[in-house]
């Protein structure tokens, strides 16, 4: 089965594009406010929280933010949506960007992180949630893929009741329905592949890189339906990342079974490392560690982190996932989900 219609080879440095589009212009409204560009509505009240401010960006009205307060409990809630580059790493990039741009940036040891999923009807949004404390307040920040935008919500209050904050976040997201943003502006299933210059300098390295990228794309089309794909490439799914590693290995073992010619030490080292990692059964532990445990494994997946730590004593880590040979990017085309089949 043909699993994609096209992809474009662009031999450019792999750079994460980030626009500085902050909510910096107040919106005047004393009623429930509908953001026409995205389709999301900011009501006057969310439960016992009252809306205190609305914002957009002075140069881009697709930016939108709202702030709420519960004076009785000294609790705050706010959310914003910002346009985003559509690459496979964007959820992780915007998660770290959001924390690093704060006046107070929590240290890694201070945070409790996890991946989260928000599902409304047919649409599934992948996200990252983190907890940390500052000035006697417990803060929960969530970042979600929502098609052409990122949805970022934050709630804080005094104390240390994470379950209460989780419940409030879930309650407010159910009322705000960020999935409506994706429903109105769904991403197409078609993707482009951007290759780093280093991958294009060697024929064999380029071939195994292409194999890795197309194996990831194949995995998406076989495992993720068009409604879930509409919110963005599921880069935080463990099996998606494993598909990339398998693509590196299998090009050599299946498409090119003969030994790779001498003079390609980078390729030899890369394939040898991934092959041993897979044969020894530690691909999933390696990826979880590389991505700071912010990948979502399949349900009931079992890890052997103790065994992996022992394995590392006798084996070097010969590839850092931050060193990208390519990156997959959604086409900036709005989908017609009635026509896009899985």
C-alpha atoms as a PDB file:
ATOM      1  CA  UNK A   1       0.000   0.000   0.000  1.00  0.00           C
ATOM      2  CA  UNK A   2       1.290   3.448  -0.848  1.00  0.00           C
ATOM      3  CA  UNK A   3       1.717   5.181   2.470  1.00  0.00           C
ATOM      4  CA  UNK A   4       2.497   8.734   1.372  1.00  0.00           C
ATOM      5  CA  UNK A   5       1.930  10.794  -1.711  1.00  0.00           C
ATOM      6  CA  UNK A   6       5.115  12.852  -1.798  1.00  0.00           C
ATOM      7  CA  UNK A   7       7.984  14.266   0.162  1.00  0.00           C
ATOM      8  CA  UNK A   8      10.418  17.050  -0.648  1.00  0.00           C
ATOM      9  CA  UNK A   9      14.159  16.766  -0.123  1.00  0.00           C
ATOM     10  CA  UNK A  10      15.561  20.021   1.172  1.00  0.00           C
ATOM     11  CA  UNK A  11      19.261  19.933   1.975  1.00  0.00           C
ATOM     12  CA  UNK A  12      19.273  22.581   4.668  1.00  0.00           C
ATOM     13  CA  UNK A  13      20.578  22.724   8.224  1.00  0.00           C
ATOM     14  CA  UNK A  14      18.086  21.227  10.638  1.00  0.00           C
ATOM     15  CA  UNK A  15      16.991  24.314  12.543  1.00  0.00           C
ATOM     16  CA  UNK A  16      14.012  24.657  14.849  1.00  0.00           C
ATOM     17  CA  UNK A  17      12.199  27.754  13.656  1.00  0.00           C
ATOM     18  CA  UNK A  18      10.591  29.684  16.445  1.00  0.00           C
ATOM     19  CA  UNK A  19       8.664  32.892  16.059  1.00  0.00           C
ATOM     20  CA  UNK A  20       8.625  35.306  18.964  1.00  0.00           C
ATOM     21  CA  UNK A  21       4.865  35.691  18.967  1.00  0.00           C
ATOM     22  CA  UNK A  22       3.909  36.609  22.498  1.00  0.00           C
ATOM     23  CA  UNK A  23       0.462  37.812  23.601  1.00  0.00           C
ATOM     24  CA  UNK A  24       1.193  41.535  23.980  1.00  0.00           C
ATOM     25  CA  UNK A  25      -1.998  43.348  23.006  1.00  0.00           C
ATOM     26  CA  UNK A  26      -5.092  43.453  25.225  1.00  0.00           C
ATOM     27  CA  UNK A  27      -8.518  42.598  23.854  1.00  0.00           C
ATOM     28  CA  UNK A  28     -11.526  44.403  25.294  1.00  0.00           C
ATOM     29  CA  UNK A  29     -14.538  42.189  25.888  1.00  0.00           C
ATOM     30  CA  UNK A  30     -17.107  41.725  28.653  1.00  0.00           C
ATOM     31  CA  UNK A  31     -18.756  38.626  27.167  1.00  0.00           C
ATOM     32  CA  UNK A  32     -17.702  35.108  26.185  1.00  0.00           C
ATOM     33  CA  UNK A  33     -15.089  35.713  23.503  1.00  0.00           C
ATOM     34  CA  UNK A  34     -14.718  33.601  20.371  1.00  0.00           C
ATOM     35  CA  UNK A  35     -11.304  33.641  18.694  1.00  0.00           C
ATOM     36  CA  UNK A  36     -12.427  33.416  15.068  1.00  0.00           C
ATOM     37  CA  UNK A  37      -9.058  32.401  13.635  1.00  0.00           C
ATOM     38  CA  UNK A  38      -8.696  29.252  15.745  1.00  0.00           C
ATOM     39  CA  UNK A  39     -12.291  28.568  16.748  1.00  0.00           C
ATOM     40  CA  UNK A  40     -11.615  28.417  20.500  1.00  0.00           C
ATOM     41  CA  UNK A  41     -13.812  30.331  22.958  1.00  0.00           C
ATOM     42  CA  UNK A  42     -12.733  31.982  26.220  1.00  0.00           C
ATOM     43  CA  UNK A  43     -15.841  32.130  28.435  1.00  0.00           C
ATOM     44  CA  UNK A  44     -16.313  34.794  31.102  1.00  0.00           C
ATOM     45  CA  UNK A  45     -16.174  32.085  33.765  1.00  0.00           C
ATOM     46  CA  UNK A  46     -14.590  28.668  34.134  1.00  0.00           C
ATOM     47  CA  UNK A  47     -16.294  27.202  37.178  1.00  0.00           C
ATOM     48  CA  UNK A  48     -15.344  29.421  40.116  1.00  0.00           C
ATOM     49  CA  UNK A  49     -12.624  31.150  38.066  1.00  0.00           C
ATOM     50  CA  UNK A  50     -13.400  34.566  36.532  1.00  0.00           C
ATOM     51  CA  UNK A  51     -11.748  35.880  33.405  1.00  0.00           C
ATOM     52  CA  UNK A  52      -9.443  38.823  34.094  1.00  0.00           C
ATOM     53  CA  UNK A  53      -7.767  39.484  30.714  1.00  0.00           C
ATOM     54  CA  UNK A  54      -7.644  38.612  27.008  1.00  0.00           C
ATOM     55  CA  UNK A  55      -4.674  39.087  24.714  1.00  0.00           C
ATOM     56  CA  UNK A  56      -3.531  38.753  21.129  1.00  0.00           C
ATOM     57  CA  UNK A  57      -0.335  39.761  19.327  1.00  0.00           C
ATOM     58  CA  UNK A  58      -0.053  43.223  17.806  1.00  0.00           C
ATOM     59  CA  UNK A  59       1.349  41.767  14.569  1.00  0.00           C
ATOM     60  CA  UNK A  60      -0.435  38.416  14.381  1.00  0.00           C
ATOM     61  CA  UNK A  61      -4.047  37.917  15.428  1.00  0.00           C
ATOM     62  CA  UNK A  62      -3.734  34.128  15.349  1.00  0.00           C
ATOM     63  CA  UNK A  63      -2.049  34.451  18.762  1.00  0.00           C
ATOM     64  CA  UNK A  64      -4.596  34.302  21.571  1.00  0.00           C
ATOM     65  CA  UNK A  65      -4.459  34.146  25.370  1.00  0.00           C
ATOM     66  CA  UNK A  66      -6.830  34.356  28.317  1.00  0.00           C
ATOM     67  CA  UNK A  67      -6.269  34.661  32.077  1.00  0.00           C
ATOM     68  CA  UNK A  68      -8.536  33.637  34.964  1.00  0.00           C
ATOM     69  CA  UNK A  69      -8.491  33.997  38.730  1.00  0.00           C
ATOM     70  CA  UNK A  70     -10.215  32.452  41.719  1.00  0.00           C
ATOM     71  CA  UNK A  71      -9.765  35.066  44.439  1.00  0.00           C
ATOM     72  CA  UNK A  72     -11.281  32.889  47.144  1.00  0.00           C
ATOM     73  CA  UNK A  73      -8.582  30.217  46.761  1.00  0.00           C
ATOM     74  CA  UNK A  74      -5.824  32.485  45.440  1.00  0.00           C
ATOM     75  CA  UNK A  75      -5.657  30.292  42.328  1.00  0.00           C
ATOM     76  CA  UNK A  76      -4.747  31.311  38.769  1.00  0.00           C
ATOM     77  CA  UNK A  77      -5.376  29.724  35.379  1.00  0.00           C
ATOM     78  CA  UNK A  78      -4.336  30.877  31.930  1.00  0.00           C
ATOM     79  CA  UNK A  79      -4.011  29.482  28.457  1.00  0.00           C
ATOM     80  CA  UNK A  80      -2.580  30.643  25.166  1.00  0.00           C
ATOM     81  CA  UNK A  81      -2.292  29.423  21.610  1.00  0.00           C
ATOM     82  CA  UNK A  82       0.626  30.361  19.380  1.00  0.00           C
ATOM     83  CA  UNK A  83       1.436  29.437  15.758  1.00  0.00           C
ATOM     84  CA  UNK A  84       4.197  26.853  15.550  1.00  0.00           C
ATOM     85  CA  UNK A  85       6.629  25.209  13.171  1.00  0.00           C
ATOM     86  CA  UNK A  86       5.161  21.825  12.232  1.00  0.00           C
ATOM     87  CA  UNK A  87       8.096  19.470  12.830  1.00  0.00           C
ATOM     88  CA  UNK A  88       8.215  16.185  14.741  1.00  0.00           C
ATOM     89  CA  UNK A  89      10.180  17.747  17.625  1.00  0.00           C
ATOM     90  CA  UNK A  90       7.971  20.765  18.191  1.00  0.00           C
ATOM     91  CA  UNK A  91       6.121  19.486  21.257  1.00  0.00           C
ATOM     92  CA  UNK A  92       9.392  18.940  23.132  1.00  0.00           C
ATOM     93  CA  UNK A  93      10.881  22.183  21.804  1.00  0.00           C
ATOM     94  CA  UNK A  94       7.911  24.303  22.862  1.00  0.00           C
ATOM     95  CA  UNK A  95       7.745  22.589  26.235  1.00  0.00           C
ATOM     96  CA  UNK A  96      11.349  23.576  27.003  1.00  0.00           C
ATOM     97  CA  UNK A  97      10.928  26.990  25.382  1.00  0.00           C
ATOM     98  CA  UNK A  98       7.902  27.713  27.539  1.00  0.00           C
ATOM     99  CA  UNK A  99       9.777  26.920  30.757  1.00  0.00           C
ATOM    100  CA  UNK A 100      13.008  28.660  29.735  1.00  0.00           C
ATOM    101  CA  UNK A 101      11.206  31.924  28.917  1.00  0.00           C
ATOM    102  CA  UNK A 102       9.729  32.228  32.393  1.00  0.00           C
ATOM    103  CA  UNK A 103      11.057  34.700  34.941  1.00  0.00           C
ATOM    104  CA  UNK A 104      11.669  31.635  37.075  1.00  0.00           C
ATOM    105  CA  UNK A 105      13.025  28.596  35.239  1.00  0.00           C
ATOM    106  CA  UNK A 106      12.690  25.408  37.311  1.00  0.00           C
ATOM    107  CA  UNK A 107      15.695  23.115  37.483  1.00  0.00           C
ATOM    108  CA  UNK A 108      15.366  19.581  36.104  1.00  0.00           C
ATOM    109  CA  UNK A 109      15.475  18.096  39.625  1.00  0.00           C
ATOM    110  CA  UNK A 110      12.564  20.347  40.669  1.00  0.00           C
ATOM    111  CA  UNK A 111      10.175  19.173  37.954  1.00  0.00           C
ATOM    112  CA  UNK A 112       7.848  16.202  37.755  1.00  0.00           C
ATOM    113  CA  UNK A 113       7.159  15.548  34.061  1.00  0.00           C
ATOM    114  CA  UNK A 114       4.880  13.229  32.154  1.00  0.00           C
ATOM    115  CA  UNK A 115       3.289  12.889  28.743  1.00  0.00           C
ATOM    116  CA  UNK A 116      -0.467  13.421  28.585  1.00  0.00           C
ATOM    117  CA  UNK A 117      -3.249  12.913  26.051  1.00  0.00           C
ATOM    118  CA  UNK A 118      -6.434  14.923  25.662  1.00  0.00           C
ATOM    119  CA  UNK A 119      -9.122  13.228  23.606  1.00  0.00           C
ATOM    120  CA  UNK A 120     -12.392  14.775  22.524  1.00  0.00           C
ATOM    121  CA  UNK A 121     -14.484  12.798  20.074  1.00  0.00           C
ATOM    122  CA  UNK A 122     -12.333  11.571  17.182  1.00  0.00           C
ATOM    123  CA  UNK A 123      -9.463  13.953  17.909  1.00  0.00           C
ATOM    124  CA  UNK A 124      -6.501  13.081  20.099  1.00  0.00           C
ATOM    125  CA  UNK A 125      -3.998  15.714  21.265  1.00  0.00           C
ATOM    126  CA  UNK A 126      -0.566  14.683  22.527  1.00  0.00           C
ATOM    127  CA  UNK A 127       1.001  16.824  25.225  1.00  0.00           C
ATOM    128  CA  UNK A 128       3.543  17.191  28.007  1.00  0.00           C
ATOM    129  CA  UNK A 129       2.681  18.123  31.593  1.00  0.00           C
ATOM    130  CA  UNK A 130       5.066  19.316  34.299  1.00  0.00           C
ATOM    131  CA  UNK A 131       4.745  20.213  37.979  1.00  0.00           C
ATOM    132  CA  UNK A 132       7.052  22.385  40.024  1.00  0.00           C
ATOM    133  CA  UNK A 133       6.848  24.730  43.011  1.00  0.00           C
ATOM    134  CA  UNK A 134       7.783  28.398  43.281  1.00  0.00           C
ATOM    135  CA  UNK A 135       7.147  30.902  46.091  1.00  0.00           C
ATOM    136  CA  UNK A 136       4.969  28.411  47.973  1.00  0.00           C
ATOM    137  CA  UNK A 137       2.787  27.845  44.922  1.00  0.00           C
ATOM    138  CA  UNK A 138       2.330  24.575  43.045  1.00  0.00           C
ATOM    139  CA  UNK A 139       2.335  25.147  39.290  1.00  0.00           C
ATOM    140  CA  UNK A 140       1.202  22.825  36.513  1.00  0.00           C
ATOM    141  CA  UNK A 141       2.089  23.666  32.901  1.00  0.00           C
ATOM    142  CA  UNK A 142       0.795  21.663  29.944  1.00  0.00           C
ATOM    143  CA  UNK A 143       1.774  21.955  26.281  1.00  0.00           C
ATOM    144  CA  UNK A 144      -0.266  20.300  23.528  1.00  0.00           C
ATOM    145  CA  UNK A 145      -0.027  19.872  19.753  1.00  0.00           C
ATOM    146  CA  UNK A 146      -3.140  21.446  18.209  1.00  0.00           C
ATOM    147  CA  UNK A 147      -2.555  21.470  14.469  1.00  0.00           C
ATOM    148  CA  UNK A 148      -1.124  24.781  13.254  1.00  0.00           C
ATOM    149  CA  UNK A 149      -0.813  25.971  16.866  1.00  0.00           C
ATOM    150  CA  UNK A 150       0.533  24.947  20.242  1.00  0.00           C
ATOM    151  CA  UNK A 151      -1.908  25.083  23.155  1.00  0.00           C
ATOM    152  CA  UNK A 152      -0.284  25.972  26.485  1.00  0.00           C
ATOM    153  CA  UNK A 153      -2.192  26.050  29.762  1.00  0.00           C
ATOM    154  CA  UNK A 154      -1.047  26.812  33.284  1.00  0.00           C
ATOM    155  CA  UNK A 155      -2.731  26.583  36.668  1.00  0.00           C
ATOM    156  CA  UNK A 156      -1.287  27.443  40.065  1.00  0.00           C
ATOM    157  CA  UNK A 157      -2.344  27.665  43.691  1.00  0.00           C
ATOM    158  CA  UNK A 158      -0.879  27.474  47.166  1.00  0.00           C
ATOM    159  CA  UNK A 159      -0.173  24.028  48.572  1.00  0.00           C
ATOM    160  CA  UNK A 160       1.067  20.789  47.039  1.00  0.00           C
ATOM    161  CA  UNK A 161      -2.063  18.980  45.874  1.00  0.00           C
ATOM    162  CA  UNK A 162      -1.124  17.754  42.393  1.00  0.00           C
ATOM    163  CA  UNK A 163      -4.306  15.711  42.071  1.00  0.00           C
ATOM    164  CA  UNK A 164      -6.440  18.811  42.598  1.00  0.00           C
ATOM    165  CA  UNK A 165      -4.543  20.735  39.931  1.00  0.00           C
ATOM    166  CA  UNK A 166      -4.769  17.807  37.529  1.00  0.00           C
ATOM    167  CA  UNK A 167      -8.523  17.637  38.047  1.00  0.00           C
ATOM    168  CA  UNK A 168      -8.894  21.378  37.420  1.00  0.00           C
ATOM    169  CA  UNK A 169      -6.800  21.245  34.268  1.00  0.00           C
ATOM    170  CA  UNK A 170      -8.891  18.376  32.947  1.00  0.00           C
ATOM    171  CA  UNK A 171     -12.117  20.184  33.847  1.00  0.00           C
ATOM    172  CA  UNK A 172     -11.070  23.402  32.119  1.00  0.00           C
ATOM    173  CA  UNK A 173      -9.749  21.635  29.009  1.00  0.00           C
ATOM    174  CA  UNK A 174     -13.059  19.793  28.689  1.00  0.00           C
ATOM    175  CA  UNK A 175     -14.860  23.150  28.752  1.00  0.00           C
ATOM    176  CA  UNK A 176     -12.409  24.949  26.438  1.00  0.00           C
ATOM    177  CA  UNK A 177     -12.155  22.009  24.009  1.00  0.00           C
ATOM    178  CA  UNK A 178      -8.775  22.714  22.341  1.00  0.00           C
ATOM    179  CA  UNK A 179      -9.643  19.889  19.944  1.00  0.00           C
ATOM    180  CA  UNK A 180     -11.971  22.414  18.273  1.00  0.00           C
ATOM    181  CA  UNK A 181      -8.834  24.196  17.050  1.00  0.00           C
ATOM    182  CA  UNK A 182      -7.762  21.036  15.235  1.00  0.00           C
ATOM    183  CA  UNK A 183     -11.274  20.303  13.997  1.00  0.00           C
ATOM    184  CA  UNK A 184     -11.482  23.739  12.346  1.00  0.00           C
ATOM    185  CA  UNK A 185      -7.917  23.718  10.999  1.00  0.00           C
ATOM    186  CA  UNK A 186      -6.732  20.089  10.691  1.00  0.00           C
ATOM    187  CA  UNK A 187      -3.272  19.321   9.365  1.00  0.00           C
ATOM    188  CA  UNK A 188      -2.925  17.245   6.239  1.00  0.00           C
ATOM    189  CA  UNK A 189      -1.282  13.824   6.473  1.00  0.00           C
ATOM    190  CA  UNK A 190       1.359  14.797   3.908  1.00  0.00           C
ATOM    191  CA  UNK A 191       4.848  15.554   5.190  1.00  0.00           C
ATOM    192  CA  UNK A 192       8.175  16.858   3.978  1.00  0.00           C
ATOM    193  CA  UNK A 193      11.624  15.684   5.050  1.00  0.00           C
ATOM    194  CA  UNK A 194      14.400  18.192   5.719  1.00  0.00           C
ATOM    195  CA  UNK A 195      17.879  16.697   5.569  1.00  0.00           C
ATOM    196  CA  UNK A 196      20.909  18.136   7.326  1.00  0.00           C
ATOM    197  CA  UNK A 197      23.938  18.900   5.107  1.00  0.00           C
ATOM    198  CA  UNK A 198      26.026  16.241   6.884  1.00  0.00           C
ATOM    199  CA  UNK A 199      23.611  13.536   5.669  1.00  0.00           C
ATOM    200  CA  UNK A 200      24.022  14.627   2.052  1.00  0.00           C
ATOM    201  CA  UNK A 201      27.821  14.460   2.039  1.00  0.00           C
ATOM    202  CA  UNK A 202      27.890  10.679   1.828  1.00  0.00           C
ATOM    203  CA  UNK A 203      25.720   8.514  -0.437  1.00  0.00           C
ATOM    204  CA  UNK A 204      25.331   5.628   1.999  1.00  0.00           C
ATOM    205  CA  UNK A 205      24.646   7.898   4.963  1.00  0.00           C
ATOM    206  CA  UNK A 206      21.969   9.689   2.938  1.00  0.00           C
ATOM    207  CA  UNK A 207      20.376   6.383   1.964  1.00  0.00           C
ATOM    208  CA  UNK A 208      20.136   5.053   5.519  1.00  0.00           C
ATOM    209  CA  UNK A 209      18.890   8.472   6.666  1.00  0.00           C
ATOM    210  CA  UNK A 210      16.149   8.391   4.028  1.00  0.00           C
ATOM    211  CA  UNK A 211      15.301   4.847   5.132  1.00  0.00           C
ATOM    212  CA  UNK A 212      14.952   6.008   8.751  1.00  0.00           C
ATOM    213  CA  UNK A 213      12.734   8.961   7.839  1.00  0.00           C
ATOM    214  CA  UNK A 214      10.454   7.037   5.492  1.00  0.00           C
ATOM    215  CA  UNK A 215      10.129   4.202   8.022  1.00  0.00           C
ATOM    216  CA  UNK A 216       8.852   6.737  10.564  1.00  0.00           C
ATOM    217  CA  UNK A 217       6.365   8.067   8.024  1.00  0.00           C
ATOM    218  CA  UNK A 218       5.257   4.536   7.169  1.00  0.00           C
ATOM    219  CA  UNK A 219       4.712   3.829  10.874  1.00  0.00           C
ATOM    220  CA  UNK A 220       2.510   6.934  11.211  1.00  0.00           C
ATOM    221  CA  UNK A 221       0.301   6.017   8.284  1.00  0.00           C
ATOM    222  CA  UNK A 222      -0.113   2.435   9.483  1.00  0.00           C
ATOM    223  CA  UNK A 223      -0.735   3.222  13.171  1.00  0.00           C
ATOM    224  CA  UNK A 224      -2.152   6.754  13.544  1.00  0.00           C
ATOM    225  CA  UNK A 225      -5.500   7.651  12.001  1.00  0.00           C
ATOM    226  CA  UNK A 226      -6.118  10.900  10.143  1.00  0.00           C
ATOM    227  CA  UNK A 227      -7.938  12.544  13.076  1.00  0.00           C
ATOM    228  CA  UNK A 228      -5.013  11.995  15.416  1.00  0.00           C
ATOM    229  CA  UNK A 229      -2.517  13.004  12.724  1.00  0.00           C
ATOM    230  CA  UNK A 230      -4.474  16.247  12.224  1.00  0.00           C
ATOM    231  CA  UNK A 231      -3.071  17.653  15.486  1.00  0.00           C
ATOM    232  CA  UNK A 232       0.575  17.096  14.486  1.00  0.00           C
ATOM    233  CA  UNK A 233       3.293  14.490  14.015  1.00  0.00           C
ATOM    234  CA  UNK A 234       3.270  12.234  17.123  1.00  0.00           C
ATOM    235  CA  UNK A 235       6.954  12.760  17.896  1.00  0.00           C
ATOM    236  CA  UNK A 236       6.625  11.806  21.569  1.00  0.00           C
ATOM    237  CA  UNK A 237       5.398   8.279  20.882  1.00  0.00           C
ATOM    238  CA  UNK A 238       8.073   5.698  21.717  1.00  0.00           C
ATOM    239  CA  UNK A 239       7.169   3.387  18.834  1.00  0.00           C
ATOM    240  CA  UNK A 240       7.485   6.276  16.362  1.00  0.00           C
ATOM    241  CA  UNK A 241      11.076   6.865  17.508  1.00  0.00           C
ATOM    242  CA  UNK A 242      11.842   3.123  17.436  1.00  0.00           C
ATOM    243  CA  UNK A 243      10.645   3.047  13.814  1.00  0.00           C
ATOM    244  CA  UNK A 244      13.329   5.600  12.975  1.00  0.00           C
ATOM    245  CA  UNK A 245      16.091   3.465  14.470  1.00  0.00           C
ATOM    246  CA  UNK A 246      14.801   0.356  12.719  1.00  0.00           C
ATOM    247  CA  UNK A 247      14.879   2.255   9.444  1.00  0.00           C
ATOM    248  CA  UNK A 248      18.591   2.987   9.877  1.00  0.00           C
ATOM    249  CA  UNK A 249      19.387  -0.660  10.583  1.00  0.00           C
ATOM    250  CA  UNK A 250      17.102  -2.340   8.085  1.00  0.00           C
ATOM    251  CA  UNK A 251      18.310  -0.419   5.053  1.00  0.00           C
ATOM    252  CA  UNK A 252      21.716  -2.001   5.524  1.00  0.00           C
ATOM    253  CA  UNK A 253      20.544  -5.469   6.509  1.00  0.00           C
ATOM    254  CA  UNK A 254      17.656  -5.809   4.035  1.00  0.00           C
ATOM    255  CA  UNK A 255      18.275  -3.383   1.178  1.00  0.00           C
ATOM    256  CA  UNK A 256      22.046  -3.573   1.165  1.00  0.00           C
ATOM    257  CA  UNK A 257      23.073  -6.887   2.829  1.00  0.00           C
ATOM    258  CA  UNK A 258      26.678  -6.670   1.675  1.00  0.00           C
ATOM    259  CA  UNK A 259      29.173  -4.940   3.947  1.00  0.00           C
ATOM    260  CA  UNK A 260      29.229  -1.173   3.580  1.00  0.00           C
ATOM    261  CA  UNK A 261      32.357  -0.155   1.749  1.00  0.00           C
ATOM    262  CA  UNK A 262      35.328   1.070   3.702  1.00  0.00           C
ATOM    263  CA  UNK A 263      35.701   4.796   4.166  1.00  0.00           C
ATOM    264  CA  UNK A 264      32.347   5.322   5.925  1.00  0.00           C
ATOM    265  CA  UNK A 265      33.321   5.173   9.619  1.00  0.00           C
ATOM    266  CA  UNK A 266      30.341   7.319  10.630  1.00  0.00           C
ATOM    267  CA  UNK A 267      27.912   4.922   8.983  1.00  0.00           C
ATOM    268  CA  UNK A 268      29.658   1.831  10.326  1.00  0.00           C
ATOM    269  CA  UNK A 269      29.654   3.189  13.859  1.00  0.00           C
ATOM    270  CA  UNK A 270      26.021   4.306  13.678  1.00  0.00           C
ATOM    271  CA  UNK A 271      24.717   1.009  12.282  1.00  0.00           C
ATOM    272  CA  UNK A 272      26.856  -1.075  14.666  1.00  0.00           C
ATOM    273  CA  UNK A 273      25.574   0.880  17.666  1.00  0.00           C
ATOM    274  CA  UNK A 274      21.896   0.679  16.698  1.00  0.00           C
ATOM    275  CA  UNK A 275      22.169  -2.999  15.736  1.00  0.00           C
ATOM    276  CA  UNK A 276      23.758  -3.993  19.044  1.00  0.00           C
ATOM    277  CA  UNK A 277      21.269  -1.836  20.929  1.00  0.00           C
ATOM    278  CA  UNK A 278      18.356  -3.596  19.222  1.00  0.00           C
ATOM    279  CA  UNK A 279      19.826  -7.088  19.448  1.00  0.00           C
ATOM    280  CA  UNK A 280      20.475  -6.641  23.173  1.00  0.00           C
ATOM    281  CA  UNK A 281      16.925  -5.404  23.709  1.00  0.00           C
ATOM    282  CA  UNK A 282      17.570  -1.877  24.996  1.00  0.00           C
ATOM    283  CA  UNK A 283      16.311   0.381  22.185  1.00  0.00           C
ATOM    284  CA  UNK A 284      13.325   1.543  24.233  1.00  0.00           C
ATOM    285  CA  UNK A 285      15.349   2.282  27.399  1.00  0.00           C
ATOM    286  CA  UNK A 286      17.936   4.175  25.335  1.00  0.00           C
ATOM    287  CA  UNK A 287      15.281   6.349  23.675  1.00  0.00           C
ATOM    288  CA  UNK A 288      13.476   7.064  26.937  1.00  0.00           C
ATOM    289  CA  UNK A 289      16.739   8.228  28.510  1.00  0.00           C
ATOM    290  CA  UNK A 290      17.714  10.299  25.466  1.00  0.00           C
ATOM    291  CA  UNK A 291      14.349  12.065  25.497  1.00  0.00           C
ATOM    292  CA  UNK A 292      14.382  12.632  29.275  1.00  0.00           C
ATOM    293  CA  UNK A 293      11.569  10.083  29.744  1.00  0.00           C
ATOM    294  CA  UNK A 294       9.142  12.302  27.824  1.00  0.00           C
ATOM    295  CA  UNK A 295       8.063   9.627  25.365  1.00  0.00           C
ATOM    296  CA  UNK A 296       4.806   7.692  25.596  1.00  0.00           C
ATOM    297  CA  UNK A 297       5.264   3.893  25.503  1.00  0.00           C
ATOM    298  CA  UNK A 298       2.541   1.456  24.436  1.00  0.00           C
ATOM    299  CA  UNK A 299       0.119   0.453  27.173  1.00  0.00           C
ATOM    300  CA  UNK A 300       1.602  -2.014  29.701  1.00  0.00           C
ATOM    301  CA  UNK A 301       5.061  -1.717  28.130  1.00  0.00           C
ATOM    302  CA  UNK A 302       7.789  -3.174  30.350  1.00  0.00           C
ATOM    303  CA  UNK A 303      11.227  -1.540  30.732  1.00  0.00           C
ATOM    304  CA  UNK A 304      14.480  -2.918  32.098  1.00  0.00           C
ATOM    305  CA  UNK A 305      16.249   0.246  33.227  1.00  0.00           C
ATOM    306  CA  UNK A 306      18.435  -1.647  35.696  1.00  0.00           C
ATOM    307  CA  UNK A 307      19.649  -3.939  32.931  1.00  0.00           C
ATOM    308  CA  UNK A 308      20.197  -0.954  30.637  1.00  0.00           C
ATOM    309  CA  UNK A 309      22.388   0.799  33.198  1.00  0.00           C
ATOM    310  CA  UNK A 310      24.523  -2.357  33.426  1.00  0.00           C
ATOM    311  CA  UNK A 311      24.648  -2.562  29.621  1.00  0.00           C
ATOM    312  CA  UNK A 312      26.003   0.988  29.435  1.00  0.00           C
ATOM    313  CA  UNK A 313      28.971   0.020  31.603  1.00  0.00           C
ATOM    314  CA  UNK A 314      30.294  -2.141  28.738  1.00  0.00           C
ATOM    315  CA  UNK A 315      28.900  -0.219  25.771  1.00  0.00           C
ATOM    316  CA  UNK A 316      29.381   3.383  24.696  1.00  0.00           C
ATOM    317  CA  UNK A 317      26.498   5.576  23.571  1.00  0.00           C
ATOM    318  CA  UNK A 318      27.482   6.403  20.002  1.00  0.00           C
ATOM    319  CA  UNK A 319      24.546   8.564  18.944  1.00  0.00           C
ATOM    320  CA  UNK A 320      22.869  11.572  20.532  1.00  0.00           C
ATOM    321  CA  UNK A 321      19.300  12.167  19.356  1.00  0.00           C
ATOM    322  CA  UNK A 322      19.935  15.931  19.470  1.00  0.00           C
ATOM    323  CA  UNK A 323      22.237  15.461  16.474  1.00  0.00           C
ATOM    324  CA  UNK A 324      19.654  15.298  13.712  1.00  0.00           C
ATOM    325  CA  UNK A 325      20.353  13.913  10.251  1.00  0.00           C
ATOM    326  CA  UNK A 326      16.810  14.863   9.231  1.00  0.00           C
ATOM    327  CA  UNK A 327      13.543  16.149  10.560  1.00  0.00           C
ATOM    328  CA  UNK A 328       9.998  15.379   9.382  1.00  0.00           C
ATOM    329  CA  UNK A 329       7.707  18.375   8.911  1.00  0.00           C
ATOM    330  CA  UNK A 330       3.989  18.480   8.198  1.00  0.00           C
ATOM    331  CA  UNK A 331       2.958  20.184   4.991  1.00  0.00           C
ATOM    332  CA  UNK A 332       1.367  23.564   5.731  1.00  0.00           C
ATOM    333  CA  UNK A 333      -1.820  22.533   4.006  1.00  0.00           C
ATOM    334  CA  UNK A 334      -5.196  22.328   5.653  1.00  0.00           C
ATOM    335  CA  UNK A 335      -6.693  18.850   5.447  1.00  0.00           C
ATOM    336  CA  UNK A 336     -10.077  17.759   4.203  1.00  0.00           C
ATOM    337  CA  UNK A 337     -10.631  14.943   6.700  1.00  0.00           C
ATOM    338  CA  UNK A 338     -13.660  13.682   4.813  1.00  0.00           C
ATOM    339  CA  UNK A 339     -11.323  12.740   1.967  1.00  0.00           C
ATOM    340  CA  UNK A 340      -8.172  11.775   3.846  1.00  0.00           C
ATOM    341  CA  UNK A 341      -8.252   8.062   4.597  1.00  0.00           C
ATOM    342  CA  UNK A 342      -6.047   6.324   7.145  1.00  0.00           C
END
